[in-house]
């Protein structure tokens, strides 16, 4: 939980076995503890053999986000360009959950 607050900037709303976290922009997540036999509501199967993206964050400055994450010791991938021109980057939390950061292409 501290990683989400200190590195990604979430605010702790409440904690009672699970934690409710919120970004300044209003997005909220529930953070569940890790159990060996626990399956995600969104994915069933062996998460360690078949990893997936947990959360996608939208940013307007992916280079700055990448620099900040690296400075915080986060495992970060390279910035790539997706099929529609969005700039994308993968990174990991301390537990191996993968995240996407997306800087949408400016549309005209």
C-alpha atoms as a PDB file:
ATOM      1  CA  UNK A   1       0.000   0.000   0.000  1.00  0.00           C
ATOM      2  CA  UNK A   2       2.824   2.413   0.836  1.00  0.00           C
ATOM      3  CA  UNK A   3       4.251   1.965  -2.686  1.00  0.00           C
ATOM      4  CA  UNK A   4       0.976   3.090  -4.293  1.00  0.00           C
ATOM      5  CA  UNK A   5       0.818   6.138  -2.005  1.00  0.00           C
ATOM      6  CA  UNK A   6       4.506   7.126  -2.115  1.00  0.00           C
ATOM      7  CA  UNK A   7       5.366   6.285  -5.740  1.00  0.00           C
ATOM      8  CA  UNK A   8       2.135   6.655  -7.722  1.00  0.00           C
ATOM      9  CA  UNK A   9       0.611   9.397  -5.578  1.00  0.00           C
ATOM     10  CA  UNK A  10      -2.575   7.667  -4.423  1.00  0.00           C
ATOM     11  CA  UNK A  11      -4.278   8.912  -1.259  1.00  0.00           C
ATOM     12  CA  UNK A  12      -5.311   6.287   1.295  1.00  0.00           C
ATOM     13  CA  UNK A  13      -9.082   6.661   1.725  1.00  0.00           C
ATOM     14  CA  UNK A  14      -9.629   3.742   4.134  1.00  0.00           C
ATOM     15  CA  UNK A  15      -8.118   0.395   5.121  1.00  0.00           C
ATOM     16  CA  UNK A  16      -9.951  -2.607   6.592  1.00  0.00           C
ATOM     17  CA  UNK A  17      -8.268  -5.780   5.320  1.00  0.00           C
ATOM     18  CA  UNK A  18      -8.368  -4.218   1.848  1.00  0.00           C
ATOM     19  CA  UNK A  19      -7.462  -0.612   1.087  1.00  0.00           C
ATOM     20  CA  UNK A  20      -9.295   2.039  -0.899  1.00  0.00           C
ATOM     21  CA  UNK A  21      -6.905   4.369  -2.720  1.00  0.00           C
ATOM     22  CA  UNK A  22      -7.702   7.486  -4.754  1.00  0.00           C
ATOM     23  CA  UNK A  23      -5.802   9.696  -7.200  1.00  0.00           C
ATOM     24  CA  UNK A  24      -6.229  13.488  -7.164  1.00  0.00           C
ATOM     25  CA  UNK A  25      -7.974  13.187 -10.562  1.00  0.00           C
ATOM     26  CA  UNK A  26     -10.689  11.060  -8.941  1.00  0.00           C
ATOM     27  CA  UNK A  27      -9.826   7.523 -10.030  1.00  0.00           C
ATOM     28  CA  UNK A  28     -10.140   4.997  -7.220  1.00  0.00           C
ATOM     29  CA  UNK A  29      -8.845   1.454  -6.788  1.00  0.00           C
ATOM     30  CA  UNK A  30      -9.301  -1.247  -4.177  1.00  0.00           C
ATOM     31  CA  UNK A  31      -6.076  -2.937  -3.172  1.00  0.00           C
ATOM     32  CA  UNK A  32      -6.390  -6.544  -2.013  1.00  0.00           C
ATOM     33  CA  UNK A  33      -3.743  -8.496  -0.121  1.00  0.00           C
ATOM     34  CA  UNK A  34      -1.778 -11.182  -1.918  1.00  0.00           C
ATOM     35  CA  UNK A  35      -2.767 -14.785  -1.263  1.00  0.00           C
ATOM     36  CA  UNK A  36      -1.247 -17.832  -3.015  1.00  0.00           C
ATOM     37  CA  UNK A  37      -4.647 -19.322  -3.816  1.00  0.00           C
ATOM     38  CA  UNK A  38      -6.370 -16.043  -4.674  1.00  0.00           C
ATOM     39  CA  UNK A  39      -7.649 -15.329  -8.205  1.00  0.00           C
ATOM     40  CA  UNK A  40      -8.483 -11.917  -9.578  1.00  0.00           C
ATOM     41  CA  UNK A  41     -12.108 -11.167 -10.380  1.00  0.00           C
ATOM     42  CA  UNK A  42     -10.945 -10.245 -13.899  1.00  0.00           C
ATOM     43  CA  UNK A  43      -8.605 -13.170 -14.559  1.00  0.00           C
ATOM     44  CA  UNK A  44      -8.689 -16.818 -13.576  1.00  0.00           C
ATOM     45  CA  UNK A  45      -5.686 -19.057 -13.902  1.00  0.00           C
ATOM     46  CA  UNK A  46      -2.051 -18.927 -12.882  1.00  0.00           C
ATOM     47  CA  UNK A  47      -1.178 -15.221 -12.708  1.00  0.00           C
ATOM     48  CA  UNK A  48       2.540 -15.930 -12.253  1.00  0.00           C
ATOM     49  CA  UNK A  49       2.692 -17.968 -15.494  1.00  0.00           C
ATOM     50  CA  UNK A  50       0.264 -15.702 -17.414  1.00  0.00           C
ATOM     51  CA  UNK A  51       0.815 -12.128 -16.216  1.00  0.00           C
ATOM     52  CA  UNK A  52      -1.596  -9.401 -17.295  1.00  0.00           C
ATOM     53  CA  UNK A  53      -1.923  -5.649 -16.921  1.00  0.00           C
ATOM     54  CA  UNK A  54      -3.570  -4.607 -13.692  1.00  0.00           C
ATOM     55  CA  UNK A  55      -4.134  -0.908 -14.296  1.00  0.00           C
ATOM     56  CA  UNK A  56      -3.599   1.578 -17.123  1.00  0.00           C
ATOM     57  CA  UNK A  57      -2.732   5.140 -16.159  1.00  0.00           C
ATOM     58  CA  UNK A  58      -3.194   8.090 -18.520  1.00  0.00           C
ATOM     59  CA  UNK A  59      -0.528  10.801 -18.514  1.00  0.00           C
ATOM     60  CA  UNK A  60       0.188  13.913 -20.537  1.00  0.00           C
ATOM     61  CA  UNK A  61       3.978  13.566 -20.072  1.00  0.00           C
ATOM     62  CA  UNK A  62       5.185   9.983 -20.318  1.00  0.00           C
ATOM     63  CA  UNK A  63       8.888  10.969 -20.337  1.00  0.00           C
ATOM     64  CA  UNK A  64       8.519  12.743 -16.981  1.00  0.00           C
ATOM     65  CA  UNK A  65       6.540   9.834 -15.541  1.00  0.00           C
ATOM     66  CA  UNK A  66       9.246   7.393 -16.698  1.00  0.00           C
ATOM     67  CA  UNK A  67      12.004   9.526 -15.125  1.00  0.00           C
ATOM     68  CA  UNK A  68      10.083   9.818 -11.843  1.00  0.00           C
ATOM     69  CA  UNK A  69       9.445   6.060 -11.705  1.00  0.00           C
ATOM     70  CA  UNK A  70      13.098   5.224 -12.436  1.00  0.00           C
ATOM     71  CA  UNK A  71      14.191   7.680  -9.710  1.00  0.00           C
ATOM     72  CA  UNK A  72      11.872   5.823  -7.313  1.00  0.00           C
ATOM     73  CA  UNK A  73      13.526   2.492  -8.178  1.00  0.00           C
ATOM     74  CA  UNK A  74      10.609   1.147 -10.241  1.00  0.00           C
ATOM     75  CA  UNK A  75      11.234  -1.439 -12.976  1.00  0.00           C
ATOM     76  CA  UNK A  76      10.240   0.443 -16.150  1.00  0.00           C
ATOM     77  CA  UNK A  77      10.124  -0.548 -19.826  1.00  0.00           C
ATOM     78  CA  UNK A  78      10.899   1.571 -22.871  1.00  0.00           C
ATOM     79  CA  UNK A  79       8.422   4.045 -24.338  1.00  0.00           C
ATOM     80  CA  UNK A  80       6.808   2.650 -27.489  1.00  0.00           C
ATOM     81  CA  UNK A  81       4.213   3.935 -29.950  1.00  0.00           C
ATOM     82  CA  UNK A  82       0.949   2.008 -30.267  1.00  0.00           C
ATOM     83  CA  UNK A  83      -1.074   1.416 -33.416  1.00  0.00           C
ATOM     84  CA  UNK A  84      -3.138   4.605 -33.056  1.00  0.00           C
ATOM     85  CA  UNK A  85      -0.110   6.726 -32.155  1.00  0.00           C
ATOM     86  CA  UNK A  86      -0.464   6.718 -28.369  1.00  0.00           C
ATOM     87  CA  UNK A  87       2.834   6.538 -26.490  1.00  0.00           C
ATOM     88  CA  UNK A  88       2.932   3.551 -24.134  1.00  0.00           C
ATOM     89  CA  UNK A  89       5.173   2.300 -21.363  1.00  0.00           C
ATOM     90  CA  UNK A  90       5.010  -0.727 -19.106  1.00  0.00           C
ATOM     91  CA  UNK A  91       6.149  -0.738 -15.477  1.00  0.00           C
ATOM     92  CA  UNK A  92       5.855  -3.019 -12.435  1.00  0.00           C
ATOM     93  CA  UNK A  93       4.878  -2.618  -8.820  1.00  0.00           C
ATOM     94  CA  UNK A  94       7.069  -4.346  -6.180  1.00  0.00           C
ATOM     95  CA  UNK A  95       4.860  -7.464  -6.396  1.00  0.00           C
ATOM     96  CA  UNK A  96       5.292  -8.013 -10.141  1.00  0.00           C
ATOM     97  CA  UNK A  97       1.918  -6.574 -11.225  1.00  0.00           C
ATOM     98  CA  UNK A  98       2.249  -4.952 -14.638  1.00  0.00           C
ATOM     99  CA  UNK A  99       0.925  -1.481 -15.393  1.00  0.00           C
ATOM    100  CA  UNK A 100       0.565   0.489 -18.624  1.00  0.00           C
ATOM    101  CA  UNK A 101       1.129   4.199 -18.816  1.00  0.00           C
ATOM    102  CA  UNK A 102      -0.512   5.798 -21.847  1.00  0.00           C
ATOM    103  CA  UNK A 103       0.094   9.260 -23.269  1.00  0.00           C
ATOM    104  CA  UNK A 104      -2.722   9.641 -25.824  1.00  0.00           C
ATOM    105  CA  UNK A 105      -1.818  11.021 -29.231  1.00  0.00           C
ATOM    106  CA  UNK A 106      -3.101  14.554 -29.666  1.00  0.00           C
ATOM    107  CA  UNK A 107      -6.110  14.163 -31.967  1.00  0.00           C
ATOM    108  CA  UNK A 108      -7.127  16.949 -34.353  1.00  0.00           C
END
